[in-house]
Each structure stands twice: as C-alpha cells, then as structure tokens.
C-alpha cells in the first residue's frame, strides 16, 4: 500500500461512498456535511454526472476499474471505500436473480479497491442475514438463517467478502445494518403522508404493542461510519449497526404523526427481531438515546428537509 495512506497521517482521510443514489446513500448525503468533521472527506459515487452535488464522482460500471484508479490518482490516494451498492430501489427482495446483483457488484468493487490500493473497505450488509430468530437479540456470532432472497444474497455476499479479504490481504468490515429511519419499509413509504390519507396497518400483539426492531437514524449512521473509518486499529470483520436499544414500530408511527390501524396477531417471538450492538458501542459514539422514536423521526425529517 502507498505510504501516504498511513492511519498516523494528519491529513484528512478520504473515502469514496459507492451507492450515493440508493435509499441510504440518499439520506446520508443530506446529513453528512452537518454531522461529519473535517477529518474525513467523502466523495459520492454515481452512475451518471450529478452537477449540483458536491464531491460527486462518476463511475458508471464497476466492472471497469479505470474510473476508480483515475480518481484515486487525482486524490493522491484513497483511504477507504464505503460499499453500499446493490439492486435498484425497485428490486424485488424475493427475486433470487435480482438479489444476486448484491453479490456481483460488491465483488467488482472489491477487485477495484485492491487495484487502487485502498486499505480499508466497509461494506453494507443487513440484519436480514440472521432471519426471524426466537426473540433473543442477535450478536455477531449468531447463526445465519435468512428467510428471503435478499437476506440470502447478503449472506452469500458476506462469505464472498471474507474469502476475498483473505485472498487479497485487505481489511474488510461487514456492517450488518438494522433499519435506517426513512430508508425502511415502515417510515419510508410515509414520506408524503398527510392527515386524511389511508392509515397504515400495523401488527399488534397481545401486549398491545407492535413489532420491535433495531433502528438507526441517518445522522447517527453517518457518525458511526465516520468513527469506523477513522479508527486507527483494525476493524472487526463483522459489526452489527443500530442504536443500542430497540424501538416499537407503533411508537415510530406515532412520533411521525401517521395514522395507523391495528391488525391483531397472536403472540410470537417475531415481535422482537433486534440486534445486540455492544460491539458497535465500543467502537463509536452511538448511545441509547439514538434509538428513541422521536429522535429517529427527527433525524429522518431533517434529512428530507436538506435534500
């Protein structure tokens, strides 16, 4: 690797974010300038030119490594990649062929990272690799039992990345991300919701609450990525990424002022599908208050206003 990429260097680190037009990338671009210090610069990768977006980087075909090599040369070396590429927003998470794109694109990006001598790669995986579980929080050592094509593709992608890291001798960190507020299946579709619109249906269990899940807001996620990017010691191979406490989906809809109707369901361990994020807490500034429903909704709304 190039000497100018030493983590002891005082120059700001420079990362490329692959997938800037995706659901998560879309929100992160809005909050990054306000939440990220001057010690990390991020260049945002798009498949076509984005003239109104600062630090936009065009790389249309990840199989062609030349754009990344040229960009790394112009930047006097890159310190890392955030790989958040995958199937399109409209992709069907039950379609095996569509979801396989999540594997091939990451493989292409990893090969390009090696060619560009990029020493640190953080890759967006998903809590979907764990499956439904039995109501006990998943930690990074939990067995992987994905239940749909999306989770299976992310599991396969992780296996590929582990093999590539050993083959190429690079640092790869897999981020098993929970729900990102605003990029999720609950809040995301309510972006344009107004009073009088049809209410959302929500499963309600015998205890009177809805499903409880692990969430993180866009600002908190941006801060986590910064902390991990700048960490001087080697990163763990796998990190669960979410706030330390779970949140009720019922509380999220109420915090967002979205009308909802109950759909009674029987008791089930599926009410609690949550992540154990103790490892993340030792590596970042994430805190319990980052998982509060009001705060998650506020971070999402703040990102929307900035877009």
C-alpha atoms as a PDB file:
ATOM      1  CA  UNK A   1       0.000   0.000   0.000  1.00  0.00           C
ATOM      2  CA  UNK A   2       1.079   3.612  -0.566  1.00  0.00           C
ATOM      3  CA  UNK A   3       2.937   5.286   2.298  1.00  0.00           C
ATOM      4  CA  UNK A   4       0.634   8.319   2.175  1.00  0.00           C
ATOM      5  CA  UNK A   5      -2.278   6.184   3.351  1.00  0.00           C
ATOM      6  CA  UNK A   6      -0.868   5.643   6.855  1.00  0.00           C
ATOM      7  CA  UNK A   7      -3.514   5.966   9.570  1.00  0.00           C
ATOM      8  CA  UNK A   8      -0.939   8.001  11.529  1.00  0.00           C
ATOM      9  CA  UNK A   9      -1.073  10.745   8.892  1.00  0.00           C
ATOM     10  CA  UNK A  10      -2.539  14.092   9.944  1.00  0.00           C
ATOM     11  CA  UNK A  11      -4.212  14.755   6.608  1.00  0.00           C
ATOM     12  CA  UNK A  12      -7.998  14.237   6.396  1.00  0.00           C
ATOM     13  CA  UNK A  13      -8.917  10.728   5.389  1.00  0.00           C
ATOM     14  CA  UNK A  14     -10.634  10.364   2.028  1.00  0.00           C
ATOM     15  CA  UNK A  15     -13.254   7.718   1.311  1.00  0.00           C
ATOM     16  CA  UNK A  16     -15.481   7.020  -1.679  1.00  0.00           C
ATOM     17  CA  UNK A  17     -19.115   6.109  -0.973  1.00  0.00           C
ATOM     18  CA  UNK A  18     -20.424   3.662  -3.575  1.00  0.00           C
ATOM     19  CA  UNK A  19     -24.204   3.823  -3.923  1.00  0.00           C
ATOM     20  CA  UNK A  20     -24.923   7.514  -3.375  1.00  0.00           C
ATOM     21  CA  UNK A  21     -28.272   7.301  -5.179  1.00  0.00           C
ATOM     22  CA  UNK A  22     -29.556   4.384  -3.086  1.00  0.00           C
ATOM     23  CA  UNK A  23     -32.050   4.732  -0.238  1.00  0.00           C
ATOM     24  CA  UNK A  24     -29.415   5.001   2.463  1.00  0.00           C
ATOM     25  CA  UNK A  25     -26.956   6.999   0.375  1.00  0.00           C
ATOM     26  CA  UNK A  26     -29.710   9.466  -0.479  1.00  0.00           C
ATOM     27  CA  UNK A  27     -30.281  10.239   3.206  1.00  0.00           C
ATOM     28  CA  UNK A  28     -26.623  10.209   4.201  1.00  0.00           C
ATOM     29  CA  UNK A  29     -25.726  12.809   1.574  1.00  0.00           C
ATOM     30  CA  UNK A  30     -28.225  15.166   3.168  1.00  0.00           C
ATOM     31  CA  UNK A  31     -26.856  14.909   6.699  1.00  0.00           C
ATOM     32  CA  UNK A  32     -23.151  14.314   6.105  1.00  0.00           C
ATOM     33  CA  UNK A  33     -21.966  17.946   5.934  1.00  0.00           C
ATOM     34  CA  UNK A  34     -23.601  18.783   9.266  1.00  0.00           C
ATOM     35  CA  UNK A  35     -22.553  15.680  11.151  1.00  0.00           C
ATOM     36  CA  UNK A  36     -19.091  14.863   9.841  1.00  0.00           C
ATOM     37  CA  UNK A  37     -15.988  16.703  10.944  1.00  0.00           C
ATOM     38  CA  UNK A  38     -13.218  17.943   8.666  1.00  0.00           C
ATOM     39  CA  UNK A  39     -11.088  14.862   9.361  1.00  0.00           C
ATOM     40  CA  UNK A  40     -12.957  12.794   6.765  1.00  0.00           C
ATOM     41  CA  UNK A  41     -13.832  13.718   3.197  1.00  0.00           C
ATOM     42  CA  UNK A  42     -16.348  11.625   1.298  1.00  0.00           C
ATOM     43  CA  UNK A  43     -16.705  11.511  -2.488  1.00  0.00           C
ATOM     44  CA  UNK A  44     -20.106  10.239  -3.649  1.00  0.00           C
ATOM     45  CA  UNK A  45     -20.237   7.719  -6.496  1.00  0.00           C
ATOM     46  CA  UNK A  46     -22.977   7.976  -9.112  1.00  0.00           C
ATOM     47  CA  UNK A  47     -23.529   6.162 -12.378  1.00  0.00           C
ATOM     48  CA  UNK A  48     -24.011   9.466 -14.219  1.00  0.00           C
ATOM     49  CA  UNK A  49     -22.975  13.083 -13.700  1.00  0.00           C
ATOM     50  CA  UNK A  50     -24.620  14.968 -10.811  1.00  0.00           C
ATOM     51  CA  UNK A  51     -23.574  18.589 -11.370  1.00  0.00           C
ATOM     52  CA  UNK A  52     -25.400  20.019  -8.343  1.00  0.00           C
ATOM     53  CA  UNK A  53     -23.897  17.603  -5.798  1.00  0.00           C
ATOM     54  CA  UNK A  54     -20.537  18.487  -4.196  1.00  0.00           C
ATOM     55  CA  UNK A  55     -17.854  15.803  -4.305  1.00  0.00           C
ATOM     56  CA  UNK A  56     -19.775  13.776  -6.896  1.00  0.00           C
ATOM     57  CA  UNK A  57     -17.749  11.007  -8.510  1.00  0.00           C
ATOM     58  CA  UNK A  58     -18.933   9.299 -11.708  1.00  0.00           C
ATOM     59  CA  UNK A  59     -18.301   5.574 -12.018  1.00  0.00           C
ATOM     60  CA  UNK A  60     -20.945   4.010 -14.205  1.00  0.00           C
ATOM     61  CA  UNK A  61     -19.712   0.420 -14.493  1.00  0.00           C
ATOM     62  CA  UNK A  62     -17.982  -1.146 -11.500  1.00  0.00           C
ATOM     63  CA  UNK A  63     -16.534  -3.835 -13.742  1.00  0.00           C
ATOM     64  CA  UNK A  64     -14.374  -1.105 -15.316  1.00  0.00           C
ATOM     65  CA  UNK A  65     -11.804  -0.194 -12.660  1.00  0.00           C
ATOM     66  CA  UNK A  66     -10.258   2.723 -14.562  1.00  0.00           C
ATOM     67  CA  UNK A  67     -12.572   5.450 -13.145  1.00  0.00           C
ATOM     68  CA  UNK A  68     -11.642   4.475  -9.584  1.00  0.00           C
ATOM     69  CA  UNK A  69      -7.937   4.288 -10.439  1.00  0.00           C
ATOM     70  CA  UNK A  70      -8.085   7.738 -12.024  1.00  0.00           C
ATOM     71  CA  UNK A  71      -9.982   9.143  -9.056  1.00  0.00           C
ATOM     72  CA  UNK A  72      -7.515   7.649  -6.579  1.00  0.00           C
ATOM     73  CA  UNK A  73      -4.624   9.154  -8.543  1.00  0.00           C
ATOM     74  CA  UNK A  74      -6.229  12.606  -8.629  1.00  0.00           C
ATOM     75  CA  UNK A  75      -6.851  12.403  -4.884  1.00  0.00           C
ATOM     76  CA  UNK A  76      -3.251  11.362  -4.177  1.00  0.00           C
ATOM     77  CA  UNK A  77      -4.560   8.096  -2.795  1.00  0.00           C
ATOM     78  CA  UNK A  78      -7.773   6.934  -1.155  1.00  0.00           C
ATOM     79  CA  UNK A  79      -8.041   5.668   2.405  1.00  0.00           C
ATOM     80  CA  UNK A  80     -11.203   3.663   2.065  1.00  0.00           C
ATOM     81  CA  UNK A  81     -14.459   2.668   0.439  1.00  0.00           C
ATOM     82  CA  UNK A  82     -17.971   2.554   1.813  1.00  0.00           C
ATOM     83  CA  UNK A  83     -19.705  -0.046  -0.370  1.00  0.00           C
ATOM     84  CA  UNK A  84     -23.468   0.474  -0.278  1.00  0.00           C
ATOM     85  CA  UNK A  85     -24.239  -0.646  -3.832  1.00  0.00           C
ATOM     86  CA  UNK A  86     -26.892  -3.207  -4.606  1.00  0.00           C
ATOM     87  CA  UNK A  87     -30.034  -3.970  -6.538  1.00  0.00           C
ATOM     88  CA  UNK A  88     -32.088  -0.964  -7.605  1.00  0.00           C
ATOM     89  CA  UNK A  89     -34.622   0.672  -5.300  1.00  0.00           C
ATOM     90  CA  UNK A  90     -37.367  -1.116  -7.198  1.00  0.00           C
ATOM     91  CA  UNK A  91     -35.715  -4.502  -6.794  1.00  0.00           C
ATOM     92  CA  UNK A  92     -37.911  -7.366  -5.624  1.00  0.00           C
ATOM     93  CA  UNK A  93     -36.405  -8.776  -2.426  1.00  0.00           C
ATOM     94  CA  UNK A  94     -37.975 -12.150  -3.167  1.00  0.00           C
ATOM     95  CA  UNK A  95     -36.379 -12.437  -6.624  1.00  0.00           C
ATOM     96  CA  UNK A  96     -33.232 -14.564  -6.415  1.00  0.00           C
ATOM     97  CA  UNK A  97     -31.796 -13.320  -9.710  1.00  0.00           C
ATOM     98  CA  UNK A  98     -32.323  -9.647  -8.868  1.00  0.00           C
ATOM     99  CA  UNK A  99     -30.865 -10.043  -5.417  1.00  0.00           C
ATOM    100  CA  UNK A 100     -27.783 -11.817  -6.783  1.00  0.00           C
ATOM    101  CA  UNK A 101     -26.732  -8.383  -8.033  1.00  0.00           C
ATOM    102  CA  UNK A 102     -25.894  -7.586  -4.408  1.00  0.00           C
ATOM    103  CA  UNK A 103     -23.114 -10.163  -4.621  1.00  0.00           C
ATOM    104  CA  UNK A 104     -21.652  -9.409  -8.050  1.00  0.00           C
ATOM    105  CA  UNK A 105     -21.496  -5.626  -7.580  1.00  0.00           C
ATOM    106  CA  UNK A 106     -19.664  -5.931  -4.280  1.00  0.00           C
ATOM    107  CA  UNK A 107     -17.206  -8.384  -5.820  1.00  0.00           C
ATOM    108  CA  UNK A 108     -16.461  -5.910  -8.607  1.00  0.00           C
ATOM    109  CA  UNK A 109     -15.984  -3.099  -6.102  1.00  0.00           C
ATOM    110  CA  UNK A 110     -13.587  -5.183  -4.001  1.00  0.00           C
ATOM    111  CA  UNK A 111     -11.442  -6.042  -7.003  1.00  0.00           C
ATOM    112  CA  UNK A 112     -11.305  -2.349  -7.919  1.00  0.00           C
ATOM    113  CA  UNK A 113     -10.344  -1.447  -4.337  1.00  0.00           C
ATOM    114  CA  UNK A 114      -7.407  -3.842  -4.494  1.00  0.00           C
ATOM    115  CA  UNK A 115      -6.242  -2.375  -7.812  1.00  0.00           C
ATOM    116  CA  UNK A 116      -6.472   1.146  -6.364  1.00  0.00           C
ATOM    117  CA  UNK A 117      -4.538   0.102  -3.228  1.00  0.00           C
ATOM    118  CA  UNK A 118      -7.363   1.119  -0.906  1.00  0.00           C
ATOM    119  CA  UNK A 119      -6.599  -0.276   2.555  1.00  0.00           C
ATOM    120  CA  UNK A 120      -9.984  -0.167   4.324  1.00  0.00           C
ATOM    121  CA  UNK A 121     -13.356  -1.289   2.963  1.00  0.00           C
ATOM    122  CA  UNK A 122     -16.625  -1.065   4.889  1.00  0.00           C
ATOM    123  CA  UNK A 123     -19.489  -2.968   3.283  1.00  0.00           C
ATOM    124  CA  UNK A 124     -23.213  -2.629   3.914  1.00  0.00           C
ATOM    125  CA  UNK A 125     -24.703  -5.969   4.792  1.00  0.00           C
ATOM    126  CA  UNK A 126     -28.012  -6.347   6.598  1.00  0.00           C
ATOM    127  CA  UNK A 127     -29.581  -7.740   9.744  1.00  0.00           C
ATOM    128  CA  UNK A 128     -31.676  -9.793   7.284  1.00  0.00           C
ATOM    129  CA  UNK A 129     -28.858 -12.351   7.253  1.00  0.00           C
ATOM    130  CA  UNK A 130     -29.977 -13.524  10.705  1.00  0.00           C
ATOM    131  CA  UNK A 131     -33.554 -14.338   9.779  1.00  0.00           C
ATOM    132  CA  UNK A 132     -36.521 -14.244  12.170  1.00  0.00           C
ATOM    133  CA  UNK A 133     -34.896 -15.645  15.271  1.00  0.00           C
ATOM    134  CA  UNK A 134     -36.536 -16.626  18.532  1.00  0.00           C
ATOM    135  CA  UNK A 135     -36.880 -13.276  20.285  1.00  0.00           C
ATOM    136  CA  UNK A 136     -33.292 -13.175  21.567  1.00  0.00           C
ATOM    137  CA  UNK A 137     -31.080 -10.302  20.291  1.00  0.00           C
ATOM    138  CA  UNK A 138     -28.654 -11.342  17.570  1.00  0.00           C
ATOM    139  CA  UNK A 139     -24.980 -10.747  18.184  1.00  0.00           C
ATOM    140  CA  UNK A 140     -22.291 -11.067  15.555  1.00  0.00           C
ATOM    141  CA  UNK A 141     -21.718 -14.733  16.365  1.00  0.00           C
ATOM    142  CA  UNK A 142     -25.369 -15.721  15.915  1.00  0.00           C
ATOM    143  CA  UNK A 143     -26.213 -18.307  13.259  1.00  0.00           C
ATOM    144  CA  UNK A 144     -27.369 -17.004   9.877  1.00  0.00           C
ATOM    145  CA  UNK A 145     -30.781 -18.224   8.750  1.00  0.00           C
ATOM    146  CA  UNK A 146     -32.079 -15.687   6.197  1.00  0.00           C
ATOM    147  CA  UNK A 147     -35.695 -16.153   5.163  1.00  0.00           C
ATOM    148  CA  UNK A 148     -35.839 -14.373   1.789  1.00  0.00           C
ATOM    149  CA  UNK A 149     -33.737 -13.879  -1.336  1.00  0.00           C
ATOM    150  CA  UNK A 150     -32.429 -10.538  -0.097  1.00  0.00           C
ATOM    151  CA  UNK A 151     -31.100 -11.996   3.152  1.00  0.00           C
ATOM    152  CA  UNK A 152     -29.648 -14.982   1.329  1.00  0.00           C
ATOM    153  CA  UNK A 153     -27.849 -12.717  -1.143  1.00  0.00           C
ATOM    154  CA  UNK A 154     -26.393 -10.652   1.705  1.00  0.00           C
ATOM    155  CA  UNK A 155     -25.245 -13.851   3.412  1.00  0.00           C
ATOM    156  CA  UNK A 156     -23.586 -15.011   0.191  1.00  0.00           C
ATOM    157  CA  UNK A 157     -22.043 -11.575  -0.265  1.00  0.00           C
ATOM    158  CA  UNK A 158     -20.545 -11.764   3.222  1.00  0.00           C
ATOM    159  CA  UNK A 159     -18.996 -15.173   2.517  1.00  0.00           C
ATOM    160  CA  UNK A 160     -17.509 -13.844  -0.697  1.00  0.00           C
ATOM    161  CA  UNK A 161     -16.065 -10.802   1.087  1.00  0.00           C
ATOM    162  CA  UNK A 162     -14.423 -12.927   3.765  1.00  0.00           C
ATOM    163  CA  UNK A 163     -12.814 -15.057   1.070  1.00  0.00           C
ATOM    164  CA  UNK A 164     -11.704 -12.005  -0.934  1.00  0.00           C
ATOM    165  CA  UNK A 165     -10.220 -10.353   2.170  1.00  0.00           C
ATOM    166  CA  UNK A 166      -8.089 -13.426   2.791  1.00  0.00           C
ATOM    167  CA  UNK A 167      -7.173 -13.710  -0.885  1.00  0.00           C
ATOM    168  CA  UNK A 168      -6.302 -10.048  -1.399  1.00  0.00           C
ATOM    169  CA  UNK A 169      -4.925  -9.259   2.047  1.00  0.00           C
ATOM    170  CA  UNK A 170      -7.172  -6.243   2.601  1.00  0.00           C
ATOM    171  CA  UNK A 171      -9.206  -5.072   5.569  1.00  0.00           C
ATOM    172  CA  UNK A 172     -12.897  -5.733   5.051  1.00  0.00           C
ATOM    173  CA  UNK A 173     -15.561  -4.894   7.620  1.00  0.00           C
ATOM    174  CA  UNK A 174     -19.115  -6.151   7.140  1.00  0.00           C
ATOM    175  CA  UNK A 175     -21.785  -3.879   8.597  1.00  0.00           C
ATOM    176  CA  UNK A 176     -24.965  -5.756   9.485  1.00  0.00           C
ATOM    177  CA  UNK A 177     -27.214  -2.726   9.493  1.00  0.00           C
ATOM    178  CA  UNK A 178     -30.652  -2.724  11.090  1.00  0.00           C
ATOM    179  CA  UNK A 179     -33.434  -0.463   9.853  1.00  0.00           C
ATOM    180  CA  UNK A 180     -32.357   3.028   8.780  1.00  0.00           C
ATOM    181  CA  UNK A 181     -35.113   5.520   9.580  1.00  0.00           C
ATOM    182  CA  UNK A 182     -36.575   6.758   6.301  1.00  0.00           C
ATOM    183  CA  UNK A 183     -34.940   4.053   4.196  1.00  0.00           C
ATOM    184  CA  UNK A 184     -37.055   1.336   5.819  1.00  0.00           C
ATOM    185  CA  UNK A 185     -40.342  -0.333   4.926  1.00  0.00           C
ATOM    186  CA  UNK A 186     -42.283   1.412   7.715  1.00  0.00           C
ATOM    187  CA  UNK A 187     -41.359   5.116   7.617  1.00  0.00           C
ATOM    188  CA  UNK A 188     -40.071   5.283   4.044  1.00  0.00           C
ATOM    189  CA  UNK A 189     -43.486   4.834   2.387  1.00  0.00           C
ATOM    190  CA  UNK A 190     -44.997   7.509   4.679  1.00  0.00           C
ATOM    191  CA  UNK A 191     -42.731  10.277   3.357  1.00  0.00           C
ATOM    192  CA  UNK A 192     -45.603  12.102   1.659  1.00  0.00           C
ATOM    193  CA  UNK A 193     -48.314  11.030   4.108  1.00  0.00           C
ATOM    194  CA  UNK A 194     -50.845  13.710   5.083  1.00  0.00           C
ATOM    195  CA  UNK A 195     -53.731  13.810   7.501  1.00  0.00           C
ATOM    196  CA  UNK A 196     -56.712  12.172   5.839  1.00  0.00           C
ATOM    197  CA  UNK A 197     -54.635   9.675   3.877  1.00  0.00           C
ATOM    198  CA  UNK A 198     -55.317   5.988   4.411  1.00  0.00           C
ATOM    199  CA  UNK A 199     -53.909   4.784   7.737  1.00  0.00           C
ATOM    200  CA  UNK A 200     -51.099   2.266   7.900  1.00  0.00           C
ATOM    201  CA  UNK A 201     -51.903  -1.263   9.048  1.00  0.00           C
ATOM    202  CA  UNK A 202     -49.709  -2.434  11.900  1.00  0.00           C
ATOM    203  CA  UNK A 203     -49.493  -5.829  13.565  1.00  0.00           C
ATOM    204  CA  UNK A 204     -50.437  -5.511  17.224  1.00  0.00           C
ATOM    205  CA  UNK A 205     -49.541  -8.289  19.657  1.00  0.00           C
ATOM    206  CA  UNK A 206     -51.412  -9.313  22.824  1.00  0.00           C
ATOM    207  CA  UNK A 207     -49.291  -6.934  24.941  1.00  0.00           C
ATOM    208  CA  UNK A 208     -50.776  -4.013  22.991  1.00  0.00           C
ATOM    209  CA  UNK A 209     -47.546  -3.123  21.207  1.00  0.00           C
ATOM    210  CA  UNK A 210     -46.359  -3.589  17.662  1.00  0.00           C
ATOM    211  CA  UNK A 211     -43.167  -5.179  16.353  1.00  0.00           C
ATOM    212  CA  UNK A 212     -39.943  -4.003  17.999  1.00  0.00           C
ATOM    213  CA  UNK A 213     -36.906  -3.596  15.796  1.00  0.00           C
ATOM    214  CA  UNK A 214     -33.362  -2.225  15.775  1.00  0.00           C
ATOM    215  CA  UNK A 215     -33.158   1.197  14.107  1.00  0.00           C
ATOM    216  CA  UNK A 216     -30.626   3.901  13.458  1.00  0.00           C
ATOM    217  CA  UNK A 217     -31.185   7.430  12.158  1.00  0.00           C
ATOM    218  CA  UNK A 218     -29.301   8.912   9.175  1.00  0.00           C
ATOM    219  CA  UNK A 219     -27.270  11.301  11.354  1.00  0.00           C
ATOM    220  CA  UNK A 220     -26.327   8.554  13.793  1.00  0.00           C
ATOM    221  CA  UNK A 221     -25.344   6.265  10.918  1.00  0.00           C
ATOM    222  CA  UNK A 222     -23.167   8.974   9.382  1.00  0.00           C
ATOM    223  CA  UNK A 223     -21.406   9.424  12.710  1.00  0.00           C
ATOM    224  CA  UNK A 224     -20.908   5.661  13.087  1.00  0.00           C
ATOM    225  CA  UNK A 225     -19.370   5.451   9.620  1.00  0.00           C
ATOM    226  CA  UNK A 226     -17.039   8.315  10.445  1.00  0.00           C
ATOM    227  CA  UNK A 227     -15.927   6.667  13.693  1.00  0.00           C
ATOM    228  CA  UNK A 228     -15.240   3.362  11.961  1.00  0.00           C
ATOM    229  CA  UNK A 229     -13.493   4.981   9.009  1.00  0.00           C
ATOM    230  CA  UNK A 230     -11.100   6.857  11.293  1.00  0.00           C
ATOM    231  CA  UNK A 231     -10.449   4.112  13.837  1.00  0.00           C
ATOM    232  CA  UNK A 232      -6.663   3.611  13.913  1.00  0.00           C
ATOM    233  CA  UNK A 233      -6.742  -0.074  14.857  1.00  0.00           C
ATOM    234  CA  UNK A 234      -8.018  -2.844  12.561  1.00  0.00           C
ATOM    235  CA  UNK A 235     -11.787  -3.200  12.471  1.00  0.00           C
ATOM    236  CA  UNK A 236     -13.660  -6.373  13.407  1.00  0.00           C
ATOM    237  CA  UNK A 237     -14.740  -8.418  10.424  1.00  0.00           C
ATOM    238  CA  UNK A 238     -18.433  -8.049  11.344  1.00  0.00           C
ATOM    239  CA  UNK A 239     -20.281  -5.308  13.241  1.00  0.00           C
ATOM    240  CA  UNK A 240     -23.994  -5.008  13.995  1.00  0.00           C
ATOM    241  CA  UNK A 241     -25.070  -1.427  13.299  1.00  0.00           C
ATOM    242  CA  UNK A 242     -28.070   0.098  15.060  1.00  0.00           C
ATOM    243  CA  UNK A 243     -28.876   2.050  18.218  1.00  0.00           C
ATOM    244  CA  UNK A 244     -28.220   0.107  21.443  1.00  0.00           C
ATOM    245  CA  UNK A 245     -31.952  -0.188  22.222  1.00  0.00           C
ATOM    246  CA  UNK A 246     -34.795  -1.357  20.009  1.00  0.00           C
ATOM    247  CA  UNK A 247     -37.838   0.744  19.194  1.00  0.00           C
ATOM    248  CA  UNK A 248     -41.513  -0.050  18.768  1.00  0.00           C
ATOM    249  CA  UNK A 249     -42.892   0.431  15.271  1.00  0.00           C
ATOM    250  CA  UNK A 250     -46.071   1.687  16.903  1.00  0.00           C
ATOM    251  CA  UNK A 251     -44.040   4.392  18.643  1.00  0.00           C
ATOM    252  CA  UNK A 252     -42.384   5.332  15.343  1.00  0.00           C
ATOM    253  CA  UNK A 253     -45.704   5.852  13.548  1.00  0.00           C
ATOM    254  CA  UNK A 254     -46.997   7.892  16.450  1.00  0.00           C
ATOM    255  CA  UNK A 255     -43.842  10.010  16.534  1.00  0.00           C
ATOM    256  CA  UNK A 256     -44.232  10.603  12.793  1.00  0.00           C
ATOM    257  CA  UNK A 257     -47.901  11.569  13.318  1.00  0.00           C
ATOM    258  CA  UNK A 258     -49.012   8.904  10.839  1.00  0.00           C
ATOM    259  CA  UNK A 259     -52.455   7.393  11.428  1.00  0.00           C
ATOM    260  CA  UNK A 260     -52.486   3.636  11.796  1.00  0.00           C
ATOM    261  CA  UNK A 261     -54.935   0.821  12.377  1.00  0.00           C
ATOM    262  CA  UNK A 262     -54.241  -2.301  14.431  1.00  0.00           C
ATOM    263  CA  UNK A 263     -54.115  -5.736  12.876  1.00  0.00           C
ATOM    264  CA  UNK A 264     -54.312  -8.108  15.861  1.00  0.00           C
ATOM    265  CA  UNK A 265     -51.904 -11.045  15.737  1.00  0.00           C
ATOM    266  CA  UNK A 266     -51.085 -13.817  18.183  1.00  0.00           C
ATOM    267  CA  UNK A 267     -48.041 -13.777  20.432  1.00  0.00           C
ATOM    268  CA  UNK A 268     -44.827 -14.588  18.587  1.00  0.00           C
ATOM    269  CA  UNK A 269     -41.048 -14.290  19.083  1.00  0.00           C
ATOM    270  CA  UNK A 270     -41.115 -12.382  15.783  1.00  0.00           C
ATOM    271  CA  UNK A 271     -42.390  -9.371  17.728  1.00  0.00           C
ATOM    272  CA  UNK A 272     -38.780  -8.757  18.785  1.00  0.00           C
ATOM    273  CA  UNK A 273     -36.213  -9.033  15.995  1.00  0.00           C
ATOM    274  CA  UNK A 274     -33.360  -6.965  17.350  1.00  0.00           C
ATOM    275  CA  UNK A 275     -29.593  -6.647  17.260  1.00  0.00           C
ATOM    276  CA  UNK A 276     -27.082  -6.771  20.074  1.00  0.00           C
ATOM    277  CA  UNK A 277     -24.897  -3.733  19.311  1.00  0.00           C
ATOM    278  CA  UNK A 278     -22.467  -3.938  22.218  1.00  0.00           C
ATOM    279  CA  UNK A 279     -19.533  -4.285  19.823  1.00  0.00           C
ATOM    280  CA  UNK A 280     -20.502  -1.107  17.986  1.00  0.00           C
ATOM    281  CA  UNK A 281     -20.804   0.796  21.260  1.00  0.00           C
ATOM    282  CA  UNK A 282     -17.125   0.144  21.969  1.00  0.00           C
ATOM    283  CA  UNK A 283     -16.067   1.473  18.555  1.00  0.00           C
ATOM    284  CA  UNK A 284     -18.282   4.538  18.077  1.00  0.00           C
ATOM    285  CA  UNK A 285     -20.210   7.272  19.848  1.00  0.00           C
ATOM    286  CA  UNK A 286     -23.602   5.574  19.451  1.00  0.00           C
ATOM    287  CA  UNK A 287     -25.796   5.918  22.546  1.00  0.00           C
ATOM    288  CA  UNK A 288     -29.165   4.689  23.803  1.00  0.00           C
ATOM    289  CA  UNK A 289     -30.906   7.991  23.070  1.00  0.00           C
ATOM    290  CA  UNK A 290     -30.121   7.459  19.365  1.00  0.00           C
ATOM    291  CA  UNK A 291     -32.807   4.758  19.384  1.00  0.00           C
ATOM    292  CA  UNK A 292     -35.657   6.923  20.709  1.00  0.00           C
ATOM    293  CA  UNK A 293     -38.654   7.093  18.346  1.00  0.00           C
ATOM    294  CA  UNK A 294     -38.869  10.894  18.394  1.00  0.00           C
ATOM    295  CA  UNK A 295     -35.168  11.236  17.655  1.00  0.00           C
ATOM    296  CA  UNK A 296     -35.242   8.728  14.808  1.00  0.00           C
ATOM    297  CA  UNK A 297     -38.139  10.532  13.156  1.00  0.00           C
ATOM    298  CA  UNK A 298     -36.462  13.911  13.704  1.00  0.00           C
ATOM    299  CA  UNK A 299     -33.264  12.706  12.024  1.00  0.00           C
ATOM    300  CA  UNK A 300     -35.247  11.389   9.063  1.00  0.00           C
ATOM    301  CA  UNK A 301     -37.248  14.600   8.690  1.00  0.00           C
ATOM    302  CA  UNK A 302     -34.075  16.688   8.971  1.00  0.00           C
ATOM    303  CA  UNK A 303     -32.527  14.724   6.132  1.00  0.00           C
ATOM    304  CA  UNK A 304     -35.610  15.190   3.962  1.00  0.00           C
ATOM    305  CA  UNK A 305     -35.540  18.940   4.538  1.00  0.00           C
ATOM    306  CA  UNK A 306     -31.900  19.111   3.499  1.00  0.00           C
ATOM    307  CA  UNK A 307     -32.393  17.210   0.242  1.00  0.00           C
END
